[in-house]
PDB file of N, CA and C in Angstrom:
ATOM      1  N   UNK A   1      74.008 119.705  57.847  1.00  0.00           N
ATOM      2  CA  UNK A   1      75.430 119.711  57.576  1.00  0.00           C
ATOM      3  C   UNK A   1      76.203 120.335  58.744  1.00  0.00           C
ATOM      4  N   UNK A   2      75.675 121.453  59.251  1.00  0.00           N
ATOM      5  CA  UNK A   2      76.338 122.114  60.369  1.00  0.00           C
ATOM      6  C   UNK A   2      76.302 121.235  61.619  1.00  0.00           C
ATOM      7  N   UNK A   3      75.219 120.491  61.764  1.00  0.00           N
ATOM      8  CA  UNK A   3      75.070 119.593  62.919  1.00  0.00           C
ATOM      9  C   UNK A   3      76.140 118.494  62.900  1.00  0.00           C
ATOM     10  N   UNK A   4      76.443 117.963  61.730  1.00  0.00           N
ATOM     11  CA  UNK A   4      77.460 116.920  61.592  1.00  0.00           C
ATOM     12  C   UNK A   4      78.846 117.485  61.918  1.00  0.00           C
ATOM     13  N   UNK A   5      79.126 118.697  61.482  1.00  0.00           N
ATOM     14  CA  UNK A   5      80.417 119.325  61.749  1.00  0.00           C
ATOM     15  C   UNK A   5      80.606 119.536  63.254  1.00  0.00           C
ATOM     16  N   UNK A   6      79.567 119.996  63.934  1.00  0.00           N
ATOM     17  CA  UNK A   6      79.640 120.212  65.383  1.00  0.00           C
ATOM     18  C   UNK A   6      79.880 118.888  66.102  1.00  0.00           C
ATOM     19  N   UNK A   7      79.198 117.839  65.698  1.00  0.00           N
ATOM     20  CA  UNK A   7      79.394 116.522  66.311  1.00  0.00           C
ATOM     21  C   UNK A   7      80.806 115.988  66.052  1.00  0.00           C
ATOM     22  N   UNK A   8      81.343 116.225  64.861  1.00  0.00           N
ATOM     23  CA  UNK A   8      82.704 115.790  64.542  1.00  0.00           C
ATOM     24  C   UNK A   8      83.724 116.514  65.415  1.00  0.00           C
ATOM     25  N   UNK A   9      83.554 117.815  65.551  1.00  0.00           N
ATOM     26  CA  UNK A   9      84.476 118.596  66.395  1.00  0.00           C
ATOM     27  C   UNK A   9      84.368 118.142  67.839  1.00  0.00           C
ATOM     28  N   UNK A  10      83.152 117.911  68.326  1.00  0.00           N
ATOM     29  CA  UNK A  10      82.958 117.419  69.686  1.00  0.00           C
ATOM     30  C   UNK A  10      83.614 116.058  69.876  1.00  0.00           C
ATOM     31  N   UNK A  11      83.488 115.182  68.892  1.00  0.00           N
ATOM     32  CA  UNK A  11      84.101 113.852  68.974  1.00  0.00           C
ATOM     33  C   UNK A  11      85.623 113.962  69.023  1.00  0.00           C
ATOM     34  N   UNK A  12      86.185 114.855  68.219  1.00  0.00           N
ATOM     35  CA  UNK A  12      87.645 115.035  68.229  1.00  0.00           C
ATOM     36  C   UNK A  12      88.098 115.562  69.590  1.00  0.00           C
ATOM     37  N   UNK A  13      87.377 116.523  70.132  1.00  0.00           N
ATOM     38  CA  UNK A  13      87.719 117.051  71.448  1.00  0.00           C
ATOM     39  C   UNK A  13      87.641 115.978  72.528  1.00  0.00           C
ATOM     40  N   UNK A  14      86.625 115.146  72.450  1.00  0.00           N
ATOM     41  CA  UNK A  14      86.493 114.073  73.440  1.00  0.00           C
ATOM     42  C   UNK A  14      87.619 113.051  73.327  1.00  0.00           C
ATOM     43  N   UNK A  15      88.041 112.747  72.104  1.00  0.00           N
ATOM     44  CA  UNK A  15      89.154 111.815  71.914  1.00  0.00           C
ATOM     45  C   UNK A  15      90.444 112.412  72.488  1.00  0.00           C
ATOM     46  N   UNK A  16      90.684 113.689  72.210  1.00  0.00           N
ATOM     47  CA  UNK A  16      91.878 114.352  72.737  1.00  0.00           C
ATOM     48  C   UNK A  16      91.827 114.402  74.261  1.00  0.00           C
ATOM     49  N   UNK A  17      90.656 114.722  74.818  1.00  0.00           N
ATOM     50  CA  UNK A  17      90.501 114.746  76.273  1.00  0.00           C
ATOM     51  C   UNK A  17      90.758 113.367  76.876  1.00  0.00           C
ATOM     52  N   UNK A  18      90.234 112.331  76.248  1.00  0.00           N
ATOM     53  CA  UNK A  18      90.469 110.965  76.732  1.00  0.00           C
ATOM     54  C   UNK A  18      91.935 110.593  76.696  1.00  0.00           C
ATOM     55  N   UNK A  19      92.620 110.987  75.633  1.00  0.00           N
ATOM     56  CA  UNK A  19      94.052 110.710  75.544  1.00  0.00           C
ATOM     57  C   UNK A  19      94.814 111.435  76.653  1.00  0.00           C
ATOM     58  N   UNK A  20      94.488 112.697  76.887  1.00  0.00           N
ATOM     59  CA  UNK A  20      95.178 113.474  77.924  1.00  0.00           C
ATOM     60  C   UNK A  20      94.933 112.893  79.314  1.00  0.00           C
ATOM     61  N   UNK A  21      93.704 112.505  79.585  1.00  0.00           N
ATOM     62  CA  UNK A  21      93.381 111.919  80.888  1.00  0.00           C
ATOM     63  C   UNK A  21      94.123 110.599  81.073  1.00  0.00           C
ATOM     64  N   UNK A  22      94.175 109.767  80.045  1.00  0.00           N
ATOM     65  CA  UNK A  22      94.888 108.489  80.175  1.00  0.00           C
ATOM     66  C   UNK A  22      96.388 108.712  80.327  1.00  0.00           C
ATOM     67  N   UNK A  23      96.941 109.726  79.659  1.00  0.00           N
ATOM     68  CA  UNK A  23      98.366 110.022  79.821  1.00  0.00           C
ATOM     69  C   UNK A  23      98.654 110.497  81.239  1.00  0.00           C
ATOM     70  N   UNK A  24      97.797 111.350  81.774  1.00  0.00           N
ATOM     71  CA  UNK A  24      97.991 111.823  83.150  1.00  0.00           C
ATOM     72  C   UNK A  24      97.853 110.695  84.161  1.00  0.00           C
ATOM     73  N   UNK A  25      96.922 109.781  83.928  1.00  0.00           N
ATOM     74  CA  UNK A  25      96.796 108.628  84.825  1.00  0.00           C
ATOM     75  C   UNK A  25      98.039 107.744  84.768  1.00  0.00           C
ATOM     76  N   UNK A  26      98.605 107.574  83.596  1.00  0.00           N
ATOM     77  CA  UNK A  26      99.838 106.795  83.470  1.00  0.00           C
ATOM     78  C   UNK A  26     100.991 107.445  84.217  1.00  0.00           C
ATOM     79  N   UNK A  27     101.103 108.754  84.110  1.00  0.00           N
ATOM     80  CA  UNK A  27     102.155 109.477  84.834  1.00  0.00           C
ATOM     81  C   UNK A  27     101.939 109.336  86.333  1.00  0.00           C
ATOM     82  N   UNK A  28     100.697 109.465  86.779  1.00  0.00           N
ATOM     83  CA  UNK A  28     100.388 109.352  88.205  1.00  0.00           C
ATOM     84  C   UNK A  28     100.720 107.953  88.729  1.00  0.00           C
ATOM     85  N   UNK A  29     100.419 106.920  87.937  1.00  0.00           N
ATOM     86  CA  UNK A  29     100.744 105.548  88.346  1.00  0.00           C
ATOM     87  C   UNK A  29     102.254 105.350  88.483  1.00  0.00           C
ATOM     88  N   UNK A  30     103.027 105.900  87.550  1.00  0.00           N
ATOM     89  CA  UNK A  30     104.488 105.783  87.646  1.00  0.00           C
ATOM     90  C   UNK A  30     104.999 106.512  88.888  1.00  0.00           C
ATOM     91  N   UNK A  31     104.441 107.670  89.184  1.00  0.00           N
ATOM     92  CA  UNK A  31     104.829 108.423  90.376  1.00  0.00           C
ATOM     93  C   UNK A  31     104.520 107.622  91.635  1.00  0.00           C
ATOM     94  N   UNK A  32     103.339 107.025  91.692  1.00  0.00           N
ATOM     95  CA  UNK A  32     102.962 106.231  92.860  1.00  0.00           C
ATOM     96  C   UNK A  32     103.851 104.997  93.006  1.00  0.00           C
ATOM     97  N   UNK A  33     104.245 104.383  91.908  1.00  0.00           N
ATOM     98  CA  UNK A  33     105.158 103.240  91.968  1.00  0.00           C
ATOM     99  C   UNK A  33     106.506 103.668  92.541  1.00  0.00           C
ATOM    100  N   UNK A  34     106.984 104.851  92.166  1.00  0.00           N
ATOM    101  CA  UNK A  34     108.234 105.375  92.726  1.00  0.00           C
ATOM    102  C   UNK A  34     108.123 105.643  94.209  1.00  0.00           C
ATOM    103  N   UNK A  35     106.994 106.186  94.632  1.00  0.00           N
ATOM    104  CA  UNK A  35     106.781 106.452  96.058  1.00  0.00           C
ATOM    105  C   UNK A  35     106.802 105.148  96.841  1.00  0.00           C
ATOM    106  N   UNK A  36     106.141 104.125  96.324  1.00  0.00           N
ATOM    107  CA  UNK A  36     106.127 102.831  97.007  1.00  0.00           C
ATOM    108  C   UNK A  36     107.524 102.209  97.040  1.00  0.00           C
ATOM    109  N   UNK A  37     108.293 102.385  95.983  1.00  0.00           N
ATOM    110  CA  UNK A  37     109.662 101.858  95.949  1.00  0.00           C
ATOM    111  C   UNK A  37     110.523 102.534  97.015  1.00  0.00           C
ATOM    112  N   UNK A  38     110.394 103.852  97.128  1.00  0.00           N
ATOM    113  CA  UNK A  38     111.164 104.577  98.138  1.00  0.00           C
ATOM    114  C   UNK A  38     110.754 104.178  99.550  1.00  0.00           C
ATOM    115  N   UNK A  39     109.455 103.943  99.762  1.00  0.00           N
ATOM    116  CA  UNK A  39     108.997 103.496 101.080  1.00  0.00           C
ATOM    117  C   UNK A  39     109.569 102.117 101.393  1.00  0.00           C
ATOM    118  N   UNK A  40     109.658 101.262 100.383  1.00  0.00           N
ATOM    119  CA  UNK A  40     110.234  99.935 100.589  1.00  0.00           C
ATOM    120  C   UNK A  40     111.716  99.997 100.928  1.00  0.00           C
ATOM    121  N   UNK A  41     112.422 100.941 100.345  1.00  0.00           N
ATOM    122  CA  UNK A  41     113.856 101.072 100.625  1.00  0.00           C
ATOM    123  C   UNK A  41     114.122 101.706 101.988  1.00  0.00           C
ATOM    124  N   UNK A  42     113.131 102.376 102.567  1.00  0.00           N
ATOM    125  CA  UNK A  42     113.306 103.011 103.874  1.00  0.00           C
ATOM    126  C   UNK A  42     113.593 101.990 104.966  1.00  0.00           C
ATOM    127  N   UNK A  43     113.180 100.735 104.776  1.00  0.00           N
ATOM    128  CA  UNK A  43     113.416  99.724 105.805  1.00  0.00           C
ATOM    129  C   UNK A  43     114.902  99.391 105.947  1.00  0.00           C
ATOM    130  N   UNK A  44     115.707  99.764 104.980  1.00  0.00           N
ATOM    131  CA  UNK A  44     117.144  99.497 105.048  1.00  0.00           C
ATOM    132  C   UNK A  44     117.926 100.645 105.675  1.00  0.00           C
ATOM    133  N   UNK A  45     117.229 101.679 106.099  1.00  0.00           N
ATOM    134  CA  UNK A  45     117.886 102.845 106.701  1.00  0.00           C
ATOM    135  C   UNK A  45     117.365 103.029 108.110  1.00  0.00           C
ATOM    136  N   UNK A  46     118.289 103.170 109.038  1.00  0.00           N
ATOM    137  CA  UNK A  46     117.927 103.425 110.427  1.00  0.00           C
ATOM    138  C   UNK A  46     118.586 104.734 110.826  1.00  0.00           C
ATOM    139  N   UNK A  47     117.759 105.724 111.143  1.00  0.00           N
ATOM    140  CA  UNK A  47     118.304 107.016 111.535  1.00  0.00           C
ATOM    141  C   UNK A  47     118.429 107.070 113.049  1.00  0.00           C
ATOM    142  N   UNK A  48     119.573 107.520 113.513  1.00  0.00           N
ATOM    143  CA  UNK A  48     119.809 107.661 114.938  1.00  0.00           C
ATOM    144  C   UNK A  48     119.617 109.113 115.333  1.00  0.00           C
ATOM    145  N   UNK A  49     119.080 109.318 116.523  1.00  0.00           N
ATOM    146  CA  UNK A  49     118.931 110.667 117.031  1.00  0.00           C
ATOM    147  C   UNK A  49     119.960 110.877 118.131  1.00  0.00           C
ATOM    148  N   UNK A  50     120.696 111.951 118.030  1.00  0.00           N
ATOM    149  CA  UNK A  50     121.710 112.275 119.021  1.00  0.00           C
ATOM    150  C   UNK A  50     121.254 113.505 119.789  1.00  0.00           C
ATOM    151  N   UNK A  51     121.506 113.519 121.068  1.00  0.00           N
ATOM    152  CA  UNK A  51     121.135 114.686 121.859  1.00  0.00           C
ATOM    153  C   UNK A  51     122.276 115.682 121.848  1.00  0.00           C
ATOM    154  N   UNK A  52     121.903 116.926 121.800  1.00  0.00           N
ATOM    155  CA  UNK A  52     122.890 117.990 121.883  1.00  0.00           C
ATOM    156  C   UNK A  52     122.201 119.215 122.478  1.00  0.00           C
ATOM    157  N   UNK A  53     122.748 120.367 122.294  1.00  0.00           N
ATOM    158  CA  UNK A  53     122.234 121.569 122.921  1.00  0.00           C
ATOM    159  C   UNK A  53     121.147 122.289 122.148  1.00  0.00           C
ATOM    160  N   UNK A  54     120.496 121.636 121.208  1.00  0.00           N
ATOM    161  CA  UNK A  54     119.448 122.329 120.475  1.00  0.00           C
ATOM    162  C   UNK A  54     118.208 122.457 121.340  1.00  0.00           C
ATOM    163  N   UNK A  55     117.249 123.262 120.896  1.00  0.00           N
ATOM    164  CA  UNK A  55     116.093 123.550 121.720  1.00  0.00           C
ATOM    165  C   UNK A  55     115.232 122.326 122.001  1.00  0.00           C
ATOM    166  N   UNK A  56     115.114 121.380 121.061  1.00  0.00           N
ATOM    167  CA  UNK A  56     114.322 120.181 121.352  1.00  0.00           C
ATOM    168  C   UNK A  56     115.180 119.056 121.925  1.00  0.00           C
ATOM    169  N   UNK A  57     116.476 119.235 121.952  1.00  0.00           N
ATOM    170  CA  UNK A  57     117.378 118.270 122.570  1.00  0.00           C
ATOM    171  C   UNK A  57     117.760 117.117 121.672  1.00  0.00           C
ATOM    172  N   UNK A  58     117.254 117.093 120.443  1.00  0.00           N
ATOM    173  CA  UNK A  58     117.568 115.991 119.537  1.00  0.00           C
ATOM    174  C   UNK A  58     118.031 116.539 118.206  1.00  0.00           C
ATOM    175  N   UNK A  59     118.987 115.855 117.623  1.00  0.00           N
ATOM    176  CA  UNK A  59     119.497 116.209 116.299  1.00  0.00           C
ATOM    177  C   UNK A  59     119.675 114.916 115.541  1.00  0.00           C
ATOM    178  N   UNK A  60     119.350 114.940 114.290  1.00  0.00           N
ATOM    179  CA  UNK A  60     119.501 113.722 113.493  1.00  0.00           C
ATOM    180  C   UNK A  60     120.975 113.497 113.196  1.00  0.00           C
ATOM    181  N   UNK A  61     121.428 112.287 113.485  1.00  0.00           N
ATOM    182  CA  UNK A  61     122.807 111.929 113.196  1.00  0.00           C
ATOM    183  C   UNK A  61     122.908 111.277 111.832  1.00  0.00           C
ATOM    184  N   UNK A  62     124.018 110.666 111.568  1.00  0.00           N
ATOM    185  CA  UNK A  62     124.208 109.955 110.300  1.00  0.00           C
ATOM    186  C   UNK A  62     123.368 108.685 110.316  1.00  0.00           C
ATOM    187  N   UNK A  63     122.660 108.402 109.240  1.00  0.00           N
ATOM    188  CA  UNK A  63     121.834 107.194 109.214  1.00  0.00           C
ATOM    189  C   UNK A  63     122.693 105.948 109.042  1.00  0.00           C
ATOM    190  N   UNK A  64     122.204 104.861 109.627  1.00  0.00           N
ATOM    191  CA  UNK A  64     122.848 103.561 109.415  1.00  0.00           C
ATOM    192  C   UNK A  64     122.146 102.901 108.236  1.00  0.00           C
ATOM    193  N   UNK A  65     122.919 102.516 107.238  1.00  0.00           N
ATOM    194  CA  UNK A  65     122.359 101.919 106.025  1.00  0.00           C
ATOM    195  C   UNK A  65     122.841 100.478 105.930  1.00  0.00           C
ATOM    196  N   UNK A  66     121.928  99.571 105.699  1.00  0.00           N
ATOM    197  CA  UNK A  66     122.237  98.144 105.574  1.00  0.00           C
ATOM    198  C   UNK A  66     122.706  97.867 104.142  1.00  0.00           C
ATOM    199  N   UNK A  67     124.000  98.101 103.907  1.00  0.00           N
ATOM    200  CA  UNK A  67     124.542  97.966 102.561  1.00  0.00           C
ATOM    201  C   UNK A  67     124.562  96.519 102.081  1.00  0.00           C
ATOM    202  N   UNK A  68     124.731  95.574 102.998  1.00  0.00           N
ATOM    203  CA  UNK A  68     124.784  94.170 102.567  1.00  0.00           C
ATOM    204  C   UNK A  68     123.437  93.707 102.009  1.00  0.00           C
ATOM    205  N   UNK A  69     122.341  94.134 102.623  1.00  0.00           N
ATOM    206  CA  UNK A  69     121.019  93.766 102.096  1.00  0.00           C
ATOM    207  C   UNK A  69     120.752  94.437 100.756  1.00  0.00           C
ATOM    208  N   UNK A  70     121.182  95.680 100.618  1.00  0.00           N
ATOM    209  CA  UNK A  70     121.007  96.375  99.349  1.00  0.00           C
ATOM    210  C   UNK A  70     121.839  95.713  98.254  1.00  0.00           C
ATOM    211  N   UNK A  71     123.026  95.241  98.615  1.00  0.00           N
ATOM    212  CA  UNK A  71     123.882  94.557  97.655  1.00  0.00           C
ATOM    213  C   UNK A  71     123.244  93.236  97.209  1.00  0.00           C
ATOM    214  N   UNK A  72     122.538  92.558  98.128  1.00  0.00           N
ATOM    215  CA  UNK A  72     121.851  91.314  97.770  1.00  0.00           C
ATOM    216  C   UNK A  72     120.707  91.584  96.789  1.00  0.00           C
ATOM    217  N   UNK A  73     120.031  92.731  96.946  1.00  0.00           N
ATOM    218  CA  UNK A  73     118.922  93.077  96.063  1.00  0.00           C
ATOM    219  C   UNK A  73     119.423  93.414  94.655  1.00  0.00           C
ATOM    220  N   UNK A  74     120.606  94.066  94.577  1.00  0.00           N
ATOM    221  CA  UNK A  74     121.115  94.527  93.300  1.00  0.00           C
ATOM    222  C   UNK A  74     122.626  94.382  93.302  1.00  0.00           C
ATOM    223  N   UNK A  75     123.141  93.503  92.454  1.00  0.00           N
ATOM    224  CA  UNK A  75     124.588  93.276  92.410  1.00  0.00           C
ATOM    225  C   UNK A  75     125.359  94.503  91.980  1.00  0.00           C
ATOM    226  N   UNK A  76     124.724  95.388  91.225  1.00  0.00           N
ATOM    227  CA  UNK A  76     125.402  96.585  90.723  1.00  0.00           C
ATOM    228  C   UNK A  76     125.442  97.713  91.745  1.00  0.00           C
ATOM    229  N   UNK A  77     124.908  97.482  92.931  1.00  0.00           N
ATOM    230  CA  UNK A  77     124.865  98.517  93.960  1.00  0.00           C
ATOM    231  C   UNK A  77     126.276  98.877  94.413  1.00  0.00           C
ATOM    232  N   UNK A  78     126.565 100.156  94.456  1.00  0.00           N
ATOM    233  CA  UNK A  78     127.836 100.648  94.987  1.00  0.00           C
ATOM    234  C   UNK A  78     127.542 101.830  95.871  1.00  0.00           C
ATOM    235  N   UNK A  79     128.378 102.008  96.868  1.00  0.00           N
ATOM    236  CA  UNK A  79     128.175 103.153  97.776  1.00  0.00           C
ATOM    237  C   UNK A  79     129.476 103.892  97.939  1.00  0.00           C
TER     238      UNK A  79
END
């Protein structure tokens, strides 16, 4: 009888562990999809470097963003 109870508790723990692992994998997949989406959107941004008096001689200026291409991807896009 005690052996059956131990196996039942172990089975419940394994089911809970499996659920938690699958939930974490789902969260990780969504995070990776977001990272890939952001990398894809980076092609529409061109950052210019301007020289000034800083120690390395370069400072990031305002980025050039291709708003027309973004508007083609999504009609609801506004800037």
